[in-house]
Amino acid sequence: MDHALALLEELGPEARLLAGGHSLLPMMKLRLAQPEYLVDIDPLADELGYITLAGAELRVGAMTRHRDLLESPLLADTIFTDAERVIADPVVRNRGTIGGALCQADPSEDLSAVCAAVGARLVIRSRAGERVLDMHAFSLGPYETAVCPAELLTEIRVPRRSGSAYAKVDRRVGDWAIAAVGAALDVRDGVITHAGLALTAVGGELTVRAAEDALVGAGPEAFKRAAEIAAAQCDPVTDQRGSKEYKRHVVGVLCERVLQRAFARAQHSEEV
């Protein structure tokens, strides 16, 4: 890792990190990205490819492959496994990494919404030290993050929520989302004590704070209202994937579905 950071510092902003390659290489083929240098960090997979439990949170190395997220027993029946089942195809899932997906910051990418919904914190390292950001500070907009040229995303710290879920509508299996929603809840005695609700591919803010506020202190009776708020506050555009009215409708439907599934999982975890 120190060698990679030294190379980034030496080569400057014209260098790009190559992790799994399934985001960067297609952009290079289309001439949308033309870095002067590539720093291949695949050899760091052993150092930065892990999923471990540390107290009340999970720690996920930035080089952890999509496949490993899908198969990890620590993430079973969570928003992560829901999302990983609908990300691309097995070839991409075998090579692509969570860090690469987050740093690419594609507005239709799934894991940014997943991490935002659960309230994940991201560890960014340089030769001067580390800093830890939440997803709102990390994600600066489409294809733009807070990671500076001489920095490296090393770890994602994921709070353990009572229940979480993710769902998306796409045109074909593994495609980018037309719209997608992730939800993460903490539930005590049937009452929601924490709510995270994040959207993908429909514009607007990464999370819907007004909808989250409507859920806290309530139960399933608040799901419909939260879905209405999310549909109203997203900002989709009409394109080949559908009209903005259709996308708003999809957001409302998916919100109710993922909230119901997350709440059911939370109740199950309380019973266990």
Protein backbone atom coordinates (compact mmCIF):
# COMPACT_ATOMS: atom_id res chain seq x y z
CA MET A 1 0.00 0.00 0.00
CA ASP A 2 2.84 2.39 0.83
CA HIS A 3 4.35 1.73 -2.61
CA ALA A 4 1.04 2.48 -4.34
CA LEU A 5 0.67 5.74 -2.41
CA ALA A 6 4.26 6.72 -3.24
CA LEU A 7 3.58 6.13 -6.94
CA LEU A 8 0.41 8.22 -6.83
CA GLU A 9 2.30 11.04 -5.12
CA GLU A 10 5.14 10.84 -7.65
CA LEU A 11 2.99 10.59 -10.80
CA GLY A 12 0.42 13.21 -9.83
CA PRO A 13 -3.17 13.68 -11.05
CA GLU A 14 -2.51 12.01 -14.42
CA ALA A 15 -2.32 8.61 -12.69
CA ARG A 16 -5.35 6.41 -12.05
CA LEU A 17 -5.68 3.34 -9.86
CA LEU A 18 -6.61 0.08 -11.56
CA ALA A 19 -8.46 -2.29 -9.21
CA GLY A 20 -10.89 -4.73 -10.84
CA GLY A 21 -10.90 -2.68 -14.03
CA HIS A 22 -14.55 -3.19 -14.94
CA SER A 23 -15.35 0.52 -14.64
CA LEU A 24 -12.13 2.17 -15.76
CA LEU A 25 -11.20 0.00 -18.75
CA PRO A 26 -14.55 0.44 -20.60
CA MET A 27 -14.23 4.20 -20.09
CA MET A 28 -10.72 4.10 -21.54
CA LYS A 29 -11.95 2.17 -24.56
CA LEU A 30 -14.54 4.88 -25.18
CA ARG A 31 -11.89 7.60 -24.62
CA LEU A 32 -13.93 8.97 -21.73
CA ALA A 33 -10.90 8.44 -19.51
CA GLN A 34 -7.34 8.84 -20.80
CA PRO A 35 -4.96 8.57 -17.84
CA GLU A 36 -1.26 8.99 -18.48
CA TYR A 37 -0.40 6.24 -15.98
CA LEU A 38 -2.18 3.25 -14.45
CA VAL A 39 -1.18 2.00 -11.01
CA ASP A 40 -2.31 -1.62 -10.77
CA ILE A 41 -3.34 -2.36 -7.17
CA ASP A 42 -4.53 -5.91 -7.81
CA PRO A 43 -1.53 -7.18 -5.78
CA LEU A 44 -3.11 -5.45 -2.76
CA ALA A 45 -6.08 -7.85 -2.84
CA ASP A 46 -4.63 -9.90 0.02
CA GLU A 47 -4.01 -6.79 2.11
CA LEU A 48 -7.26 -4.96 1.33
CA GLY A 49 -9.65 -7.82 0.55
CA TYR A 50 -11.43 -8.75 3.79
CA ILE A 51 -14.73 -8.67 5.66
CA THR A 52 -14.35 -8.73 9.43
CA LEU A 53 -16.47 -8.00 12.47
CA ALA A 54 -15.18 -5.26 14.80
CA GLY A 55 -17.55 -4.59 17.67
CA ALA A 56 -20.81 -3.10 16.39
CA GLU A 57 -19.61 -2.69 12.80
CA LEU A 58 -18.29 -4.66 9.87
CA ARG A 59 -15.04 -3.64 8.24
CA VAL A 60 -14.73 -4.27 4.53
CA GLY A 61 -11.45 -3.84 2.67
CA ALA A 62 -11.66 -1.71 -0.46
CA MET A 63 -10.31 -4.55 -2.65
CA THR A 64 -13.04 -6.96 -1.57
CA ARG A 65 -14.64 -8.48 -4.68
CA HIS A 66 -18.36 -8.32 -5.37
CA ARG A 67 -18.48 -12.11 -5.20
CA ASP A 68 -17.03 -12.12 -1.70
CA LEU A 69 -19.62 -9.58 -0.54
CA LEU A 70 -22.36 -11.78 -1.96
CA GLU A 71 -21.05 -14.96 -0.33
CA SER A 72 -20.01 -13.61 3.08
CA PRO A 73 -22.02 -15.11 5.98
CA LEU A 74 -21.51 -11.81 7.84
CA LEU A 75 -23.59 -10.03 5.18
CA ALA A 76 -26.23 -12.71 4.60
CA ASP A 77 -29.81 -11.43 4.18
CA THR A 78 -28.77 -7.78 4.13
CA ILE A 79 -28.83 -4.88 1.72
CA PHE A 80 -25.39 -5.95 0.47
CA THR A 81 -26.45 -9.38 -0.71
CA ASP A 82 -29.64 -7.95 -2.24
CA ALA A 83 -27.56 -5.48 -4.25
CA GLU A 84 -24.81 -7.89 -5.22
CA ARG A 85 -27.30 -10.32 -6.74
CA VAL A 86 -28.32 -7.67 -9.27
CA ILE A 87 -24.90 -6.17 -10.05
CA ALA A 88 -23.75 -6.98 -13.57
CA ASP A 89 -22.84 -10.64 -14.24
CA PRO A 90 -20.56 -13.29 -12.70
CA VAL A 91 -17.54 -12.16 -14.73
CA VAL A 92 -17.77 -8.64 -13.32
CA ARG A 93 -18.61 -9.85 -9.81
CA ASN A 94 -15.54 -12.11 -9.79
CA ARG A 95 -13.16 -9.20 -10.50
CA GLY A 96 -14.88 -5.94 -9.61
CA THR A 97 -14.26 -4.45 -6.15
CA ILE A 98 -16.33 -2.41 -3.73
CA GLY A 99 -13.66 0.29 -3.60
CA GLY A 100 -13.52 0.57 -7.36
CA ALA A 101 -17.29 0.88 -7.59
CA LEU A 102 -17.46 3.59 -4.92
CA CYS A 103 -14.57 5.58 -6.36
CA GLN A 104 -16.02 5.42 -9.87
CA ALA A 105 -19.11 7.17 -8.45
CA ASP A 106 -21.34 6.35 -11.39
CA PRO A 107 -24.79 7.84 -10.62
CA SER A 108 -26.39 4.49 -11.54
CA GLU A 109 -23.99 2.41 -9.45
CA ASP A 110 -25.56 0.30 -6.70
CA LEU A 111 -23.09 0.22 -3.82
CA SER A 112 -23.03 3.98 -3.21
CA ALA A 113 -26.71 3.86 -2.28
CA VAL A 114 -26.12 0.72 -0.22
CA CYS A 115 -23.35 2.38 1.81
CA ALA A 116 -25.35 5.59 2.20
CA ALA A 117 -28.42 3.73 3.45
CA VAL A 118 -26.54 1.85 6.15
CA GLY A 119 -24.55 4.92 7.21
CA ALA A 120 -21.15 3.54 6.24
CA ARG A 121 -17.93 5.46 6.88
CA LEU A 122 -15.05 5.36 4.41
CA VAL A 123 -11.38 5.36 5.32
CA ILE A 124 -9.12 7.29 2.94
CA ARG A 125 -5.37 6.98 3.32
CA SER A 126 -2.44 9.05 2.13
CA ARG A 127 1.22 8.99 3.12
CA ALA A 128 0.38 11.69 5.68
CA GLY A 129 -2.26 9.60 7.45
CA GLU A 130 -5.92 8.62 7.35
CA ARG A 131 -9.24 10.43 7.31
CA VAL A 132 -12.73 8.99 7.71
CA LEU A 133 -15.75 10.35 5.81
CA ASP A 134 -19.42 9.46 5.58
CA MET A 135 -20.99 8.94 2.16
CA HIS A 136 -22.33 12.49 1.96
CA ALA A 137 -18.82 13.90 2.34
CA PHE A 138 -17.26 11.20 0.15
CA SER A 139 -19.61 11.51 -2.83
CA LEU A 140 -19.26 14.94 -4.46
CA GLY A 141 -21.38 14.24 -7.54
CA PRO A 142 -21.40 12.07 -10.69
CA TYR A 143 -17.94 10.51 -11.19
CA GLU A 144 -16.45 12.71 -8.45
CA THR A 145 -15.39 11.77 -4.92
CA ALA A 146 -13.40 13.30 -2.09
CA VAL A 147 -10.43 10.98 -2.79
CA CYS A 148 -7.51 13.20 -3.82
CA PRO A 149 -4.91 12.21 -6.46
CA ALA A 150 -2.38 10.95 -3.88
CA GLU A 151 -4.95 9.09 -1.75
CA LEU A 152 -6.39 5.60 -1.64
CA LEU A 153 -9.72 4.33 -0.32
CA THR A 154 -8.74 1.49 1.99
CA GLU A 155 -11.75 0.45 4.07
CA ILE A 156 -15.53 0.72 4.41
CA ARG A 157 -16.90 0.60 7.96
CA VAL A 158 -20.47 -0.62 8.05
CA PRO A 159 -22.70 -0.27 11.14
CA ARG A 160 -24.73 -3.40 11.85
CA ARG A 161 -28.40 -2.52 11.35
CA SER A 162 -31.41 -4.52 12.57
CA GLY A 163 -32.64 -5.03 9.01
CA SER A 164 -31.85 -3.77 5.53
CA ALA A 165 -32.87 -4.38 1.92
CA TYR A 166 -32.24 -3.25 -1.66
CA ALA A 167 -34.27 -3.50 -4.86
CA LYS A 168 -33.95 -2.14 -8.37
CA VAL A 169 -35.75 -2.14 -11.68
CA ASP A 170 -33.63 -2.59 -14.79
CA ARG A 171 -34.20 -3.42 -18.45
CA ARG A 172 -32.37 -6.73 -18.32
CA VAL A 173 -30.48 -8.80 -15.78
CA GLY A 174 -27.31 -7.07 -14.58
CA ASP A 175 -28.07 -3.77 -16.32
CA TRP A 176 -27.71 -0.31 -14.80
CA ALA A 177 -30.76 0.62 -12.78
CA ILE A 178 -33.74 2.50 -14.13
CA ALA A 179 -34.35 3.21 -10.47
CA ALA A 180 -33.19 1.54 -7.26
CA VAL A 181 -33.77 2.01 -3.55
CA GLY A 182 -31.91 0.84 -0.45
CA ALA A 183 -33.21 0.93 3.12
CA ALA A 184 -31.60 0.18 6.49
CA LEU A 185 -33.51 0.21 9.78
CA ASP A 186 -32.85 -0.19 13.46
CA VAL A 187 -35.99 -1.46 15.20
CA ARG A 188 -36.76 -1.88 18.88
CA ASP A 189 -40.06 -3.34 20.09
CA GLY A 190 -41.63 -2.69 16.70
CA VAL A 191 -40.58 0.97 16.58
CA ILE A 192 -37.99 2.33 14.12
CA THR A 193 -35.17 4.02 16.00
CA HIS A 194 -32.94 4.69 12.98
CA ALA A 195 -33.74 4.86 9.27
CA GLY A 196 -31.56 5.16 6.18
CA LEU A 197 -33.15 5.49 2.73
CA ALA A 198 -31.00 5.96 -0.38
CA LEU A 199 -31.79 6.19 -4.10
CA THR A 200 -29.91 5.24 -7.28
CA ALA A 201 -30.20 6.60 -10.84
CA VAL A 202 -32.99 9.09 -10.14
CA GLY A 203 -31.13 12.32 -9.34
CA GLY A 204 -31.60 14.35 -6.19
CA GLU A 205 -29.68 13.75 -3.00
CA LEU A 206 -28.08 10.39 -2.22
CA THR A 207 -30.38 9.89 0.77
CA VAL A 208 -33.89 11.17 1.40
CA ARG A 209 -33.62 12.76 4.83
CA ALA A 210 -37.23 13.92 5.03
CA ALA A 211 -38.40 10.35 4.43
CA GLU A 212 -35.92 9.05 7.01
CA ASP A 213 -37.26 11.54 9.55
CA ALA A 214 -40.82 10.39 8.82
CA LEU A 215 -39.85 6.80 9.67
CA VAL A 216 -38.06 7.36 12.98
CA GLY A 217 -40.37 6.76 15.93
CA ALA A 218 -42.95 5.02 13.75
CA GLY A 219 -43.68 1.56 12.40
CA PRO A 220 -44.94 0.07 9.12
CA GLU A 221 -47.78 2.60 9.00
CA ALA A 222 -45.18 5.22 7.96
CA PHE A 223 -43.90 3.30 4.92
CA LYS A 224 -46.41 4.70 2.45
CA ARG A 225 -45.75 8.29 3.54
CA ALA A 226 -41.98 7.80 3.35
CA ALA A 227 -42.35 6.35 -0.15
CA GLU A 228 -44.41 9.36 -1.24
CA ILE A 229 -41.75 11.74 0.10
CA ALA A 230 -38.96 9.86 -1.68
CA ALA A 231 -40.86 9.85 -4.98
CA ALA A 232 -41.55 13.57 -4.69
CA GLN A 233 -37.98 14.55 -3.76
CA CYS A 234 -36.06 12.54 -6.37
CA ASP A 235 -35.17 14.31 -9.62
CA PRO A 236 -35.11 11.81 -12.51
CA VAL A 237 -34.81 12.71 -16.18
CA THR A 238 -36.67 11.28 -19.16
CA ASP A 239 -34.36 9.12 -21.28
CA GLN A 240 -34.32 5.83 -23.17
CA ARG A 241 -34.89 3.98 -19.88
CA GLY A 242 -38.20 5.68 -19.16
CA SER A 243 -40.00 8.92 -18.48
CA LYS A 244 -39.40 10.91 -15.31
CA GLU A 245 -43.00 10.22 -14.23
CA TYR A 246 -42.46 6.47 -14.61
CA LYS A 247 -39.22 6.63 -12.61
CA ARG A 248 -40.91 8.54 -9.79
CA HIS A 249 -43.61 5.88 -9.68
CA VAL A 250 -40.97 3.13 -9.55
CA VAL A 251 -39.20 4.89 -6.67
CA GLY A 252 -42.41 4.95 -4.63
CA VAL A 253 -43.14 1.28 -5.25
CA LEU A 254 -39.57 0.17 -4.47
CA CYS A 255 -39.43 2.26 -1.30
CA GLU A 256 -42.41 0.47 0.18
CA ARG A 257 -41.01 -2.92 -0.83
CA VAL A 258 -37.55 -2.44 0.65
CA LEU A 259 -38.92 -0.90 3.84
CA GLN A 260 -41.23 -3.86 4.34
CA ARG A 261 -38.41 -6.33 3.71
CA ALA A 262 -35.96 -4.46 5.97
CA PHE A 263 -38.56 -4.26 8.75
CA ALA A 264 -39.33 -7.99 8.46
CA ARG A 265 -35.62 -8.81 8.69
CA ALA A 266 -35.29 -6.52 11.70
CA GLN A 267 -38.15 -8.30 13.47
CA HIS A 268 -36.58 -11.65 12.71
CA SER A 269 -33.24 -10.50 14.17
CA GLU A 270 -35.07 -9.33 17.32
CA GLU A 271 -36.68 -12.76 17.69
CA VAL A 272 -33.36 -14.52 17.24
